[in-house]
Protein backbone atom coordinates (compact mmCIF):
# COMPACT_ATOMS: atom_id res chain seq x y z
CA MET A 1 -2.08 18.15 -4.16
CA ARG A 2 -2.89 19.41 -0.70
CA ILE A 3 -3.28 17.17 2.31
CA GLY A 4 -7.10 17.12 2.13
CA GLU A 5 -7.05 15.87 -1.45
CA LEU A 6 -4.39 13.29 -0.63
CA THR A 7 -6.50 12.10 2.31
CA GLU A 8 -9.51 11.79 0.03
CA ARG A 9 -7.64 10.00 -2.75
CA SER A 10 -5.66 7.65 -0.50
CA GLY A 11 -8.09 7.00 2.33
CA VAL A 12 -5.30 7.76 4.80
CA PRO A 13 -6.25 10.29 7.49
CA SER A 14 -4.32 13.55 7.52
CA THR A 15 -3.01 12.80 11.01
CA ALA A 16 -1.47 9.57 9.69
CA LEU A 17 0.01 11.41 6.71
CA ARG A 18 1.67 13.91 9.01
CA TYR A 19 2.94 11.09 11.21
CA TYR A 20 4.30 9.14 8.23
CA GLU A 21 6.11 12.28 7.16
CA GLN A 22 7.48 12.81 10.68
CA VAL A 23 8.88 9.26 10.96
CA GLY A 24 10.31 9.26 7.45
CA LEU A 25 7.88 6.97 5.62
CA LEU A 26 6.89 9.84 3.35
CA PRO A 27 9.28 12.42 1.99
CA ALA A 28 8.71 15.94 3.23
CA PRO A 29 6.28 17.59 0.82
CA ASN A 30 6.86 20.90 -0.87
CA ARG A 31 5.17 23.88 0.72
CA THR A 32 3.00 26.45 -0.98
CA SER A 33 3.76 30.14 -0.50
CA SER A 34 1.14 30.17 2.24
CA GLY A 35 2.79 27.19 4.01
CA TYR A 36 0.39 24.41 3.02
CA ARG A 37 1.78 20.97 2.27
CA SER A 38 1.82 20.18 -1.45
CA TYR A 39 2.25 16.48 -2.24
CA ASP A 40 3.33 15.01 -5.55
CA ALA A 41 1.09 12.34 -7.08
CA ASP A 42 3.91 9.78 -6.73
CA VAL A 43 3.20 9.60 -3.01
CA LEU A 44 -0.03 7.65 -3.74
CA PRO A 45 1.68 4.35 -4.69
CA ARG A 46 3.91 4.71 -1.62
CA LEU A 47 0.84 5.11 0.61
CA LYS A 48 -0.80 2.13 -1.06
CA PHE A 49 2.32 0.07 -0.28
CA ILE A 50 2.39 1.27 3.35
CA ARG A 51 -1.26 0.31 3.87
CA ALA A 52 -0.81 -3.09 2.18
CA ALA A 53 2.30 -3.82 4.27
CA GLN A 54 0.43 -2.91 7.45
CA ALA A 55 -2.45 -5.16 6.38
CA VAL A 56 -0.14 -8.19 6.38
CA GLY A 57 1.14 -7.25 9.83
CA LEU A 58 4.41 -5.49 9.09
CA SER A 59 5.39 -2.81 11.57
CA LEU A 60 6.14 0.76 10.61
CA THR A 61 9.78 0.02 11.44
CA ASP A 62 9.75 -2.88 8.97
CA ILE A 63 8.06 -0.71 6.36
CA HIS A 64 10.57 2.09 6.91
CA GLU A 65 13.44 -0.35 6.30
CA ILE A 66 11.80 -1.67 3.12
CA LEU A 67 11.30 1.87 1.83
CA ARG A 68 14.89 2.77 2.72
CA ILE A 69 16.14 -0.17 0.65
CA ARG A 70 13.91 0.81 -2.29
CA ASP A 71 14.89 4.48 -2.01
CA SER A 72 18.56 3.48 -2.16
CA GLY A 73 17.88 1.95 -5.59
CA SER A 74 17.74 -1.72 -4.61
CA ALA A 75 14.84 -4.13 -4.81
CA PRO A 76 13.75 -5.03 -1.27
CA CYS A 77 12.11 -8.34 -2.26
CA ARG A 78 14.47 -10.66 -0.34
CA HIS A 79 14.12 -8.53 2.77
CA VAL A 80 10.33 -8.47 2.38
CA LEU A 81 10.20 -12.26 1.99
CA SER A 82 12.27 -12.65 5.15
CA LEU A 83 9.95 -10.31 7.07
CA LEU A 84 6.88 -12.12 5.78
CA GLU A 85 8.26 -15.50 6.83
CA GLN A 86 9.06 -14.09 10.27
CA ARG A 87 5.54 -12.67 10.51
CA ARG A 88 4.03 -16.01 9.39
CA ALA A 89 5.98 -17.81 12.14
CA GLU A 90 4.72 -15.29 14.72
CA VAL A 91 1.14 -15.83 13.56
CA ALA A 92 1.56 -19.63 13.70
CA ALA A 93 2.91 -19.36 17.26
CA ARG A 94 0.00 -17.13 18.26
CA ILE A 95 -2.47 -19.59 16.75
CA ARG A 96 -0.91 -22.38 18.84
CA GLU A 97 -1.25 -20.20 21.96
CA LEU A 98 -4.88 -19.44 21.13
CA ARG A 99 -5.66 -23.12 20.56
CA GLN A 100 -4.18 -23.93 23.97
CA LEU A 101 -6.23 -21.13 25.52
CA GLU A 102 -9.36 -22.55 23.86
CA ARG A 103 -8.60 -26.00 25.35
CA ASP A 104 -8.00 -24.42 28.78
CA LEU A 105 -11.30 -22.53 28.57
CA ALA A 106 -13.18 -25.67 27.56
CA GLU A 107 -11.58 -27.52 30.47
CA LEU A 108 -12.51 -24.71 32.86
CA GLY A 109 -16.08 -24.76 31.59
CA SER A 110 -16.34 -28.52 32.08
CA ALA A 111 -14.69 -28.46 35.50
CA SER A 112 -16.89 -25.63 36.75
CA LYS A 113 -20.24 -27.19 35.80
CA GLY A 114 -20.42 -29.00 39.14
CA LEU A 115 -19.50 -25.98 41.26
CA ASP A 116 -22.07 -24.68 43.71
CA PRO A 117 -21.69 -20.93 44.31
CA ALA A 118 -23.00 -21.45 47.84
CA GLN A 119 -19.87 -23.50 48.56
CA CYS A 120 -17.49 -20.86 47.22
CA ASP A 121 -14.53 -20.25 49.51
CA PRO A 122 -15.04 -16.77 51.00
CA SER A 123 -11.26 -16.23 51.20
CA GLY A 124 -11.05 -16.41 47.41
CA ILE A 125 -12.68 -14.33 44.72
CA CYS A 126 -14.05 -16.91 42.27
CA GLY A 127 -13.73 -20.68 42.41
CA VAL A 128 -14.15 -21.01 38.66
CA ILE A 129 -10.99 -19.08 37.82
CA SER A 130 -8.99 -20.85 40.53
CA LEU A 131 -9.62 -24.10 38.63
CA GLN A 132 -7.51 -22.83 35.73
CA PRO A 133 -4.61 -25.27 35.12
CA ALA A 134 -2.04 -22.50 34.60
CA ILE A 135 -2.55 -21.09 38.10
CA ARG A 136 -3.28 -24.20 40.15
CA GLY A 137 0.15 -24.19 41.72
CA LEU A 138 0.31 -20.43 42.23
CA ASN A 139 1.61 -19.37 45.62
CA THR A 140 -1.24 -17.23 46.97
CA SER A 141 0.88 -15.84 49.79
CA ALA A 142 3.20 -13.98 47.38
CA GLU A 143 2.77 -10.23 47.33
CA VAL A 144 1.91 -8.57 44.06
């Protein structure tokens, strides 16, 4: 099938297909006598896997390694489980960071309720942001 049909059947844009081919996620397709790419139908399950792996947050590098293991004739399941656990830990860490940010924002909102803009220090930019706990001790004389 030509690239347009593959795009239609897979939902993957032709630019992504070409990129996947370039970085080795897809095998190089055959070419017609006029030079058009001609993909085998077996590329569809591979594309479905690539999209599903991306949906759970795996990088193209991770996906490439998984495909390399599969293409060598081995089942990549243990490697996939390891990657998924690593990804889960990253997500959990990010959730903790976001919860802390939410607490900081709530604290900023509470602390800034009593601020009067008329009393804002003209040497600063915004008194609300300067209340942020993470920057309270920041040395303002340091050059950026």
